[in-house]
Amino acid sequence: MPMKVFCCKWILANIVGTTFGLAVIIALVIIVGSALTGVVGNAVGGGILGTTLGIMQWLLLRNMYQIDWWVFASMLGGAVGNAFGVEMLGTILGIMQWLLLREHIYRASWWVLATALGVTVGSAVGIDLVDIVIKIIVDALGSDGAIPDIANIVGFYTGVAVGSAIFGVITGITLLFLSQRTRLS
């Protein structure tokens, strides 16, 4: 698959996986309320996000590498990482995925750094963007009726999409760079 095509698909896979995962988490919170809070709630949310992200990534990676446990590793990395806090999410997710990539990619340890950096930068930009989009919508349309609710939804998913795209760019470029030097078996 050409590099540009792979990068575009990888970025889209990360946006879809993250957005769908967060939608599932929001639905779960609506259904169970505050029953899942603290470390357990963070672990469950991280596991859901890791699973949906892992599925979307695996759909692309399965044609490149024999990594049958990618979704499970992503789920476990998401759950454990998020249980320790979002600050650790990228690192632990990266470590779990690295355990599989190291069999196929020379110097795959760079994957841990790329994943941690992608989550950190993507989250920071995405969170900042949420507030900016909400302010733009409310300033333009006012705060009557359902406008603030719509602004919150649009702002949230815009931030998620952009943050996920940033994560996808960082990890996608890293994966392409590293895959140029695959392990000799």
N, C-alpha and C. Protein backbone atom coordinates (compact mmCIF):
# COMPACT_ATOMS: atom_id res chain seq x y z
N MET A 1 0.86 -1.16 0.00
CA MET A 1 0.00 0.00 0.00
C MET A 1 0.91 1.24 0.00
N PRO A 2 0.65 2.19 -0.88
CA PRO A 2 1.47 3.41 -0.93
C PRO A 2 1.43 4.15 0.41
N MET A 3 2.52 4.84 0.74
CA MET A 3 2.66 5.51 2.04
C MET A 3 1.55 6.51 2.31
N LYS A 4 1.21 7.32 1.30
CA LYS A 4 0.16 8.33 1.50
C LYS A 4 -1.19 7.69 1.79
N VAL A 5 -1.48 6.61 1.08
CA VAL A 5 -2.75 5.91 1.28
C VAL A 5 -2.79 5.31 2.68
N PHE A 6 -1.68 4.67 3.09
CA PHE A 6 -1.63 4.09 4.43
C PHE A 6 -1.83 5.17 5.48
N CYS A 7 -1.13 6.29 5.35
CA CYS A 7 -1.25 7.37 6.35
C CYS A 7 -2.68 7.88 6.45
N CYS A 8 -3.32 8.09 5.32
CA CYS A 8 -4.71 8.58 5.35
C CYS A 8 -5.63 7.56 6.01
N LYS A 9 -5.46 6.29 5.68
CA LYS A 9 -6.28 5.24 6.29
C LYS A 9 -5.99 5.11 7.78
N TRP A 10 -4.71 5.23 8.15
CA TRP A 10 -4.34 5.12 9.56
C TRP A 10 -4.95 6.26 10.38
N ILE A 11 -4.86 7.46 9.86
CA ILE A 11 -5.44 8.62 10.55
C ILE A 11 -6.95 8.44 10.70
N LEU A 12 -7.61 8.06 9.63
CA LEU A 12 -9.06 7.83 9.68
C LEU A 12 -9.41 6.72 10.66
N ALA A 13 -8.64 5.64 10.66
CA ALA A 13 -8.89 4.53 11.59
C ALA A 13 -8.79 4.99 13.03
N ASN A 14 -7.83 5.85 13.32
CA ASN A 14 -7.67 6.35 14.68
C ASN A 14 -8.81 7.30 15.06
N ILE A 15 -9.25 8.12 14.12
CA ILE A 15 -10.39 9.01 14.40
C ILE A 15 -11.65 8.18 14.67
N VAL A 16 -11.93 7.22 13.81
CA VAL A 16 -13.13 6.39 13.96
C VAL A 16 -13.06 5.57 15.25
N GLY A 17 -11.92 4.93 15.51
CA GLY A 17 -11.78 4.10 16.70
C GLY A 17 -11.97 4.89 17.98
N THR A 18 -11.35 6.06 18.04
CA THR A 18 -11.46 6.89 19.24
C THR A 18 -12.87 7.46 19.39
N THR A 19 -13.42 7.97 18.32
CA THR A 19 -14.76 8.57 18.38
C THR A 19 -15.80 7.54 18.77
N PHE A 20 -15.74 6.37 18.17
CA PHE A 20 -16.70 5.32 18.50
C PHE A 20 -16.51 4.86 19.94
N GLY A 21 -15.27 4.70 20.36
CA GLY A 21 -15.00 4.30 21.74
C GLY A 21 -15.57 5.29 22.75
N LEU A 22 -15.37 6.57 22.50
CA LEU A 22 -15.91 7.58 23.41
C LEU A 22 -17.44 7.61 23.38
N ALA A 23 -18.03 7.35 22.23
CA ALA A 23 -19.50 7.27 22.16
C ALA A 23 -20.02 6.11 23.00
N VAL A 24 -19.32 4.97 22.96
CA VAL A 24 -19.71 3.82 23.78
C VAL A 24 -19.57 4.15 25.26
N ILE A 25 -18.47 4.81 25.62
CA ILE A 25 -18.25 5.20 27.02
C ILE A 25 -19.35 6.14 27.50
N ILE A 26 -19.69 7.13 26.68
CA ILE A 26 -20.76 8.07 27.05
C ILE A 26 -22.08 7.33 27.23
N ALA A 27 -22.40 6.41 26.33
CA ALA A 27 -23.63 5.63 26.45
C ALA A 27 -23.62 4.81 27.73
N LEU A 28 -22.49 4.22 28.05
CA LEU A 28 -22.36 3.43 29.28
C LEU A 28 -22.56 4.30 30.52
N VAL A 29 -22.00 5.48 30.52
CA VAL A 29 -22.16 6.40 31.64
C VAL A 29 -23.63 6.80 31.79
N ILE A 30 -24.31 7.03 30.68
CA ILE A 30 -25.73 7.38 30.73
C ILE A 30 -26.54 6.22 31.31
N ILE A 31 -26.19 5.00 30.93
CA ILE A 31 -26.94 3.82 31.38
C ILE A 31 -26.68 3.51 32.85
N VAL A 32 -25.40 3.47 33.26
CA VAL A 32 -25.09 3.05 34.63
C VAL A 32 -24.87 4.21 35.59
N GLY A 33 -24.87 5.41 35.07
CA GLY A 33 -24.70 6.57 35.94
C GLY A 33 -23.34 6.62 36.59
N SER A 34 -23.33 6.92 37.86
CA SER A 34 -22.06 7.09 38.56
C SER A 34 -21.56 5.80 39.19
N ALA A 35 -22.11 4.66 38.77
CA ALA A 35 -21.68 3.37 39.33
C ALA A 35 -20.23 3.07 38.98
N LEU A 36 -19.77 3.53 37.83
CA LEU A 36 -18.38 3.30 37.42
C LEU A 36 -17.59 4.59 37.58
N THR A 37 -16.95 4.74 38.72
CA THR A 37 -16.16 5.94 38.95
C THR A 37 -14.77 5.53 39.44
N GLY A 38 -13.92 6.49 39.57
CA GLY A 38 -12.59 6.25 40.10
C GLY A 38 -11.75 5.37 39.20
N VAL A 39 -10.89 4.59 39.82
CA VAL A 39 -9.94 3.75 39.09
C VAL A 39 -10.68 2.71 38.24
N VAL A 40 -11.73 2.11 38.78
CA VAL A 40 -12.48 1.09 38.03
C VAL A 40 -13.14 1.71 36.81
N GLY A 41 -13.77 2.85 36.98
CA GLY A 41 -14.39 3.54 35.85
C GLY A 41 -13.37 3.94 34.80
N ASN A 42 -12.22 4.43 35.26
CA ASN A 42 -11.16 4.79 34.31
C ASN A 42 -10.67 3.57 33.55
N ALA A 43 -10.51 2.45 34.25
CA ALA A 43 -10.04 1.22 33.60
C ALA A 43 -11.05 0.72 32.58
N VAL A 44 -12.32 0.74 32.94
CA VAL A 44 -13.36 0.29 32.00
C VAL A 44 -13.39 1.20 30.77
N GLY A 45 -13.37 2.51 31.00
CA GLY A 45 -13.36 3.45 29.88
C GLY A 45 -12.13 3.27 29.01
N GLY A 46 -10.97 3.13 29.63
CA GLY A 46 -9.75 2.91 28.87
C GLY A 46 -9.77 1.61 28.09
N GLY A 47 -10.35 0.58 28.70
CA GLY A 47 -10.46 -0.71 28.00
C GLY A 47 -11.37 -0.63 26.79
N ILE A 48 -12.47 0.08 26.93
CA ILE A 48 -13.38 0.27 25.79
C ILE A 48 -12.68 1.05 24.68
N LEU A 49 -12.04 2.15 25.06
CA LEU A 49 -11.33 2.97 24.07
C LEU A 49 -10.20 2.18 23.42
N GLY A 50 -9.45 1.43 24.22
CA GLY A 50 -8.38 0.61 23.66
C GLY A 50 -8.90 -0.44 22.70
N THR A 51 -10.06 -1.00 23.01
CA THR A 51 -10.65 -2.03 22.14
C THR A 51 -11.07 -1.45 20.80
N THR A 52 -11.81 -0.35 20.82
CA THR A 52 -12.29 0.22 19.55
C THR A 52 -11.13 0.77 18.72
N LEU A 53 -10.17 1.39 19.37
CA LEU A 53 -8.99 1.88 18.67
C LEU A 53 -8.19 0.71 18.13
N GLY A 54 -8.00 -0.31 18.95
CA GLY A 54 -7.24 -1.49 18.53
C GLY A 54 -7.87 -2.21 17.35
N ILE A 55 -9.18 -2.30 17.33
CA ILE A 55 -9.87 -2.95 16.19
C ILE A 55 -9.59 -2.18 14.90
N MET A 56 -9.75 -0.87 14.95
CA MET A 56 -9.54 -0.07 13.75
C MET A 56 -8.09 -0.13 13.28
N GLN A 57 -7.14 -0.09 14.20
CA GLN A 57 -5.73 -0.18 13.82
C GLN A 57 -5.41 -1.57 13.27
N TRP A 58 -5.93 -2.59 13.92
CA TRP A 58 -5.66 -3.97 13.49
C TRP A 58 -6.17 -4.23 12.08
N LEU A 59 -7.29 -3.62 11.71
CA LEU A 59 -7.81 -3.81 10.35
C LEU A 59 -6.79 -3.39 9.30
N LEU A 60 -5.95 -2.42 9.60
CA LEU A 60 -4.88 -2.02 8.68
C LEU A 60 -3.61 -2.85 8.88
N LEU A 61 -3.27 -3.12 10.11
CA LEU A 61 -2.01 -3.81 10.40
C LEU A 61 -2.03 -5.29 10.05
N ARG A 62 -3.18 -5.91 10.03
CA ARG A 62 -3.26 -7.35 9.79
C ARG A 62 -2.72 -7.75 8.43
N ASN A 63 -2.74 -6.84 7.48
CA ASN A 63 -2.19 -7.13 6.16
C ASN A 63 -0.68 -6.95 6.09
N MET A 64 -0.12 -6.31 7.11
CA MET A 64 1.32 -6.03 7.13
C MET A 64 2.08 -6.98 8.05
N TYR A 65 1.47 -7.34 9.17
CA TYR A 65 2.15 -8.12 10.19
C TYR A 65 1.21 -9.17 10.77
N GLN A 66 1.80 -10.24 11.28
CA GLN A 66 1.04 -11.30 11.95
C GLN A 66 0.92 -10.91 13.43
N ILE A 67 -0.06 -10.08 13.75
CA ILE A 67 -0.23 -9.59 15.12
C ILE A 67 -1.67 -9.84 15.59
N ASP A 68 -1.94 -11.10 15.84
CA ASP A 68 -3.29 -11.52 16.17
C ASP A 68 -3.79 -10.96 17.51
N TRP A 69 -2.92 -10.58 18.41
CA TRP A 69 -3.31 -10.13 19.73
C TRP A 69 -3.39 -8.61 19.84
N TRP A 70 -3.37 -7.89 18.73
CA TRP A 70 -3.33 -6.43 18.75
C TRP A 70 -4.51 -5.82 19.50
N VAL A 71 -5.70 -6.31 19.25
CA VAL A 71 -6.89 -5.75 19.90
C VAL A 71 -6.83 -6.00 21.40
N PHE A 72 -6.46 -7.21 21.80
CA PHE A 72 -6.36 -7.52 23.22
C PHE A 72 -5.29 -6.66 23.89
N ALA A 73 -4.13 -6.54 23.26
CA ALA A 73 -3.04 -5.72 23.82
C ALA A 73 -3.49 -4.26 23.95
N SER A 74 -4.23 -3.77 22.96
CA SER A 74 -4.72 -2.39 23.00
C SER A 74 -5.76 -2.20 24.09
N MET A 75 -6.63 -3.18 24.25
CA MET A 75 -7.64 -3.12 25.33
C MET A 75 -6.96 -3.12 26.69
N LEU A 76 -6.02 -4.01 26.89
CA LEU A 76 -5.32 -4.10 28.16
C LEU A 76 -4.49 -2.84 28.42
N GLY A 77 -3.79 -2.36 27.41
CA GLY A 77 -3.01 -1.12 27.55
C GLY A 77 -3.89 0.08 27.86
N GLY A 78 -5.04 0.15 27.20
CA GLY A 78 -5.98 1.24 27.47
C GLY A 78 -6.53 1.17 28.88
N ALA A 79 -6.89 -0.02 29.32
CA ALA A 79 -7.48 -0.19 30.66
C ALA A 79 -6.45 0.14 31.74
N VAL A 80 -5.28 -0.47 31.66
CA VAL A 80 -4.27 -0.25 32.69
C VAL A 80 -3.77 1.20 32.64
N GLY A 81 -3.50 1.69 31.44
CA GLY A 81 -3.01 3.05 31.30
C GLY A 81 -3.98 4.09 31.84
N ASN A 82 -5.24 3.95 31.50
CA ASN A 82 -6.24 4.92 31.96
C ASN A 82 -6.52 4.78 33.46
N ALA A 83 -6.36 3.56 34.00
CA ALA A 83 -6.53 3.37 35.44
C ALA A 83 -5.49 4.18 36.21
N PHE A 84 -4.29 4.31 35.64
CA PHE A 84 -3.24 5.12 36.26
C PHE A 84 -3.40 6.59 35.96
N GLY A 85 -4.29 6.93 35.05
CA GLY A 85 -4.52 8.32 34.67
C GLY A 85 -4.17 8.54 33.22
N VAL A 86 -4.81 9.52 32.62
CA VAL A 86 -4.62 9.77 31.20
C VAL A 86 -3.16 10.08 30.87
N GLU A 87 -2.41 10.56 31.88
CA GLU A 87 -1.00 10.86 31.65
C GLU A 87 -0.21 9.59 31.30
N MET A 88 -0.65 8.45 31.80
CA MET A 88 0.05 7.19 31.56
C MET A 88 -0.55 6.39 30.41
N LEU A 89 -1.69 6.80 29.93
CA LEU A 89 -2.41 6.04 28.91
C LEU A 89 -1.54 5.75 27.68
N GLY A 90 -0.96 6.78 27.10
CA GLY A 90 -0.17 6.60 25.88
C GLY A 90 1.04 5.71 26.09
N THR A 91 1.70 5.86 27.23
CA THR A 91 2.89 5.06 27.50
C THR A 91 2.55 3.59 27.65
N ILE A 92 1.55 3.30 28.46
CA ILE A 92 1.20 1.89 28.71
C ILE A 92 0.57 1.26 27.47
N LEU A 93 -0.26 2.01 26.75
CA LEU A 93 -0.80 1.51 25.49
C LEU A 93 0.35 1.20 24.52
N GLY A 94 1.30 2.11 24.44
CA GLY A 94 2.45 1.92 23.56
C GLY A 94 3.27 0.71 23.95
N ILE A 95 3.46 0.49 25.24
CA ILE A 95 4.23 -0.68 25.69
C ILE A 95 3.52 -1.97 25.30
N MET A 96 2.22 -2.02 25.53
CA MET A 96 1.47 -3.25 25.19
C MET A 96 1.52 -3.54 23.70
N GLN A 97 1.40 -2.50 22.87
CA GLN A 97 1.46 -2.70 21.43
C GLN A 97 2.90 -3.02 20.98
N TRP A 98 3.87 -2.41 21.64
CA TRP A 98 5.28 -2.67 21.32
C TRP A 98 5.62 -4.14 21.52
N LEU A 99 5.04 -4.77 22.55
CA LEU A 99 5.32 -6.17 22.79
C LEU A 99 5.02 -7.03 21.56
N LEU A 100 4.08 -6.59 20.74
CA LEU A 100 3.76 -7.32 19.51
C LEU A 100 4.59 -6.83 18.33
N LEU A 101 4.78 -5.52 18.24
CA LEU A 101 5.52 -4.96 17.11
C LEU A 101 6.99 -5.34 17.12
N ARG A 102 7.58 -5.55 18.28
CA ARG A 102 9.02 -5.82 18.37
C ARG A 102 9.44 -7.09 17.64
N GLU A 103 8.49 -7.98 17.42
CA GLU A 103 8.78 -9.20 16.68
C GLU A 103 8.88 -8.97 15.18
N HIS A 104 8.40 -7.82 14.73
CA HIS A 104 8.30 -7.54 13.30
C HIS A 104 9.08 -6.32 12.85
N ILE A 105 9.36 -5.42 13.76
CA ILE A 105 9.93 -4.13 13.38
C ILE A 105 11.21 -3.87 14.16
N TYR A 106 12.26 -3.53 13.43
CA TYR A 106 13.54 -3.16 14.02
C TYR A 106 13.39 -1.84 14.78
N ARG A 107 13.89 -1.79 15.98
CA ARG A 107 13.81 -0.61 16.85
C ARG A 107 12.36 -0.19 17.14
N ALA A 108 11.52 -1.17 17.35
CA ALA A 108 10.11 -0.90 17.61
C ALA A 108 9.88 -0.16 18.93
N SER A 109 10.91 -0.09 19.77
CA SER A 109 10.74 0.62 21.04
C SER A 109 10.38 2.09 20.83
N TRP A 110 10.69 2.64 19.66
CA TRP A 110 10.28 4.01 19.34
C TRP A 110 8.75 4.14 19.32
N TRP A 111 8.06 3.02 19.14
CA TRP A 111 6.60 3.03 19.12
C TRP A 111 6.03 3.53 20.45
N VAL A 112 6.68 3.16 21.55
CA VAL A 112 6.22 3.58 22.87
C VAL A 112 6.27 5.11 22.97
N LEU A 113 7.37 5.69 22.57
CA LEU A 113 7.50 7.15 22.60
C LEU A 113 6.48 7.82 21.68
N ALA A 114 6.31 7.29 20.48
CA ALA A 114 5.36 7.87 19.52
C ALA A 114 3.94 7.81 20.05
N THR A 115 3.57 6.70 20.66
CA THR A 115 2.22 6.56 21.20
C THR A 115 2.00 7.51 22.38
N ALA A 116 2.98 7.58 23.27
CA ALA A 116 2.87 8.50 24.41
C ALA A 116 2.78 9.95 23.93
N LEU A 117 3.63 10.30 22.97
CA LEU A 117 3.61 11.66 22.42
C LEU A 117 2.29 11.94 21.71
N GLY A 118 1.82 10.97 20.93
CA GLY A 118 0.56 11.14 20.20
C GLY A 118 -0.62 11.36 21.12
N VAL A 119 -0.71 10.57 22.20
CA VAL A 119 -1.81 10.74 23.16
C VAL A 119 -1.69 12.08 23.88
N THR A 120 -0.47 12.44 24.28
CA THR A 120 -0.28 13.69 25.02
C THR A 120 -0.61 14.91 24.17
N VAL A 121 -0.02 14.99 22.99
CA VAL A 121 -0.25 16.15 22.11
C VAL A 121 -1.68 16.16 21.59
N GLY A 122 -2.15 15.00 21.14
CA GLY A 122 -3.52 14.92 20.63
C GLY A 122 -4.55 15.31 21.68
N SER A 123 -4.38 14.83 22.91
CA SER A 123 -5.31 15.17 23.98
C SER A 123 -5.26 16.65 24.31
N ALA A 124 -4.06 17.20 24.41
CA ALA A 124 -3.93 18.61 24.77
C ALA A 124 -4.58 19.51 23.72
N VAL A 125 -4.29 19.25 22.47
CA VAL A 125 -4.88 20.07 21.40
C VAL A 125 -6.39 19.85 21.34
N GLY A 126 -6.82 18.59 21.43
CA GLY A 126 -8.25 18.29 21.38
C GLY A 126 -9.03 18.96 22.49
N ILE A 127 -8.50 18.92 23.71
CA ILE A 127 -9.18 19.55 24.86
C ILE A 127 -9.26 21.05 24.68
N ASP A 128 -8.17 21.67 24.24
CA ASP A 128 -8.20 23.12 24.01
C ASP A 128 -9.18 23.49 22.90
N LEU A 129 -9.25 22.65 21.87
CA LEU A 129 -10.13 22.93 20.75
C LEU A 129 -11.60 22.87 21.13
N VAL A 130 -11.94 21.99 22.06
CA VAL A 130 -13.33 21.88 22.52
C VAL A 130 -13.84 23.24 22.99
N ASP A 131 -13.09 23.87 23.87
CA ASP A 131 -13.50 25.18 24.40
C ASP A 131 -13.58 26.24 23.31
N ILE A 132 -12.63 26.22 22.40
CA ILE A 132 -12.62 27.21 21.31
C ILE A 132 -13.86 27.06 20.43
N VAL A 133 -14.18 25.83 20.05
CA VAL A 133 -15.34 25.59 19.18
C VAL A 133 -16.64 25.97 19.90
N ILE A 134 -16.76 25.60 21.15
CA ILE A 134 -17.97 25.96 21.92
C ILE A 134 -18.14 27.48 21.95
N LYS A 135 -17.06 28.20 22.24
CA LYS A 135 -17.13 29.66 22.31
C LYS A 135 -17.52 30.25 20.96
N ILE A 136 -16.94 29.75 19.87
CA ILE A 136 -17.27 30.26 18.54
C ILE A 136 -18.75 30.06 18.23
N ILE A 137 -19.28 28.88 18.53
CA ILE A 137 -20.68 28.59 18.22
C ILE A 137 -21.61 29.45 19.08
N VAL A 138 -21.35 29.52 20.37
CA VAL A 138 -22.22 30.30 21.25
C VAL A 138 -22.14 31.79 20.90
N ASP A 139 -20.94 32.28 20.59
CA ASP A 139 -20.80 33.69 20.20
C ASP A 139 -21.56 33.98 18.90
N ALA A 140 -21.53 33.03 17.98
CA ALA A 140 -22.18 33.24 16.67
C ALA A 140 -23.69 33.06 16.74
N LEU A 141 -24.16 32.08 17.52
CA LEU A 141 -25.58 31.73 17.50
C LEU A 141 -26.33 32.13 18.76
N GLY A 142 -25.61 32.53 19.79
CA GLY A 142 -26.26 32.90 21.04
C GLY A 142 -26.38 31.70 21.97
N SER A 143 -26.96 31.94 23.11
CA SER A 143 -27.07 30.86 24.10
C SER A 143 -28.52 30.51 24.41
N ASP A 144 -29.42 30.76 23.46
CA ASP A 144 -30.83 30.45 23.65
C ASP A 144 -31.11 28.98 23.38
N GLY A 145 -32.04 28.42 24.11
CA GLY A 145 -32.55 27.08 23.85
C GLY A 145 -31.47 26.02 23.89
N ALA A 146 -31.42 25.25 22.80
CA ALA A 146 -30.52 24.09 22.73
C ALA A 146 -29.15 24.45 22.17
N ILE A 147 -28.90 25.70 21.85
CA ILE A 147 -27.63 26.10 21.24
C ILE A 147 -26.43 25.67 22.11
N PRO A 148 -26.43 25.92 23.44
CA PRO A 148 -25.27 25.48 24.23
C PRO A 148 -25.06 23.97 24.20
N ASP A 149 -26.15 23.21 24.21
CA ASP A 149 -26.02 21.75 24.15
C ASP A 149 -25.41 21.32 22.82
N ILE A 150 -25.90 21.90 21.74
CA ILE A 150 -25.36 21.59 20.41
C ILE A 150 -23.89 22.01 20.33
N ALA A 151 -23.59 23.18 20.88
CA ALA A 151 -22.20 23.66 20.88
C ALA A 151 -21.29 22.70 21.64
N ASN A 152 -21.76 22.17 22.76
CA ASN A 152 -20.97 21.21 23.54
C ASN A 152 -20.70 19.93 22.75
N ILE A 153 -21.73 19.43 22.09
CA ILE A 153 -21.58 18.20 21.31
C ILE A 153 -20.62 18.42 20.13
N VAL A 154 -20.85 19.49 19.38
CA VAL A 154 -19.99 19.79 18.23
C VAL A 154 -18.56 20.05 18.69
N GLY A 155 -18.41 20.81 19.77
CA GLY A 155 -17.08 21.09 20.29
C GLY A 155 -16.36 19.84 20.74
N PHE A 156 -17.08 18.97 21.46
CA PHE A 156 -16.49 17.73 21.96
C PHE A 156 -16.00 16.86 20.81
N TYR A 157 -16.87 16.60 19.84
CA TYR A 157 -16.48 15.69 18.76
C TYR A 157 -15.48 16.32 17.79
N THR A 158 -15.46 17.63 17.67
CA THR A 158 -14.41 18.29 16.89
C THR A 158 -13.07 18.09 17.58
N GLY A 159 -13.05 18.31 18.89
CA GLY A 159 -11.81 18.09 19.65
C GLY A 159 -11.34 16.66 19.59
N VAL A 160 -12.27 15.71 19.69
CA VAL A 160 -11.91 14.28 19.60
C VAL A 160 -11.34 13.96 18.22
N ALA A 161 -12.00 14.45 17.17
CA ALA A 161 -11.54 14.14 15.81
C ALA A 161 -10.15 14.73 15.56
N VAL A 162 -9.94 15.98 15.93
CA VAL A 162 -8.64 16.61 15.69
C VAL A 162 -7.56 15.97 16.56
N GLY A 163 -7.87 15.74 17.83
CA GLY A 163 -6.90 15.08 18.71
C GLY A 163 -6.53 13.69 18.22
N SER A 164 -7.53 12.94 17.76
CA SER A 164 -7.28 11.60 17.22
C SER A 164 -6.48 11.66 15.93
N ALA A 165 -6.75 12.66 15.11
CA ALA A 165 -5.99 12.82 13.87
C ALA A 165 -4.52 13.11 14.19
N ILE A 166 -4.27 13.95 15.18
CA ILE A 166 -2.89 14.24 15.58
C ILE A 166 -2.21 12.97 16.07
N PHE A 167 -2.91 12.21 16.90
CA PHE A 167 -2.39 10.91 17.35
C PHE A 167 -2.08 10.02 16.14
N GLY A 168 -3.00 9.99 15.18
CA GLY A 168 -2.81 9.17 13.99
C GLY A 168 -1.64 9.62 13.14
N VAL A 169 -1.43 10.92 13.02
CA VAL A 169 -0.29 11.43 12.24
C VAL A 169 1.02 11.02 12.91
N ILE A 170 1.12 11.23 14.20
CA ILE A 170 2.37 10.92 14.92
C ILE A 170 2.66 9.43 14.87
N THR A 171 1.68 8.60 15.18
CA THR A 171 1.92 7.16 15.20
C THR A 171 2.03 6.59 13.78
N GLY A 172 1.27 7.14 12.84
CA GLY A 172 1.34 6.66 11.46
C GLY A 172 2.69 6.92 10.82
N ILE A 173 3.21 8.12 10.99
CA ILE A 173 4.53 8.45 10.44
C ILE A 173 5.60 7.58 11.10
N THR A 174 5.47 7.40 12.41
CA THR A 174 6.43 6.55 13.12
C THR A 174 6.38 5.13 12.61
N LEU A 175 5.18 4.59 12.45
CA LEU A 175 5.04 3.22 11.96
C LEU A 175 5.62 3.07 10.56
N LEU A 176 5.36 4.03 9.69
CA LEU A 176 5.92 3.97 8.34
C LEU A 176 7.44 4.03 8.37
N PHE A 177 7.98 4.93 9.17
CA PHE A 177 9.44 5.05 9.27
C PHE A 177 10.05 3.76 9.80
N LEU A 178 9.47 3.22 10.87
CA LEU A 178 10.02 2.00 11.47
C LEU A 178 9.85 0.79 10.56
N SER A 179 8.76 0.74 9.84
CA SER A 179 8.50 -0.43 8.99
C SER A 179 9.43 -0.49 7.79
N GLN A 180 10.13 0.60 7.51
CA GLN A 180 11.10 0.58 6.42
C GLN A 180 12.29 -0.32 6.76
N ARG A 181 12.45 -0.56 8.07
CA ARG A 181 13.57 -1.38 8.54
C ARG A 181 13.02 -2.57 9.32
N THR A 182 12.27 -3.43 8.67
CA THR A 182 11.67 -4.59 9.35
C THR A 182 12.74 -5.59 9.74
N ARG A 183 12.42 -6.38 10.75
CA ARG A 183 13.34 -7.41 11.24
C ARG A 183 13.56 -8.47 10.17
N LEU A 184 14.78 -8.98 10.16
CA LEU A 184 15.08 -10.13 9.31
C LEU A 184 14.78 -11.38 10.12
N SER A 185 13.99 -12.26 9.55
CA SER A 185 13.64 -13.47 10.30
C SER A 185 14.41 -14.65 9.79
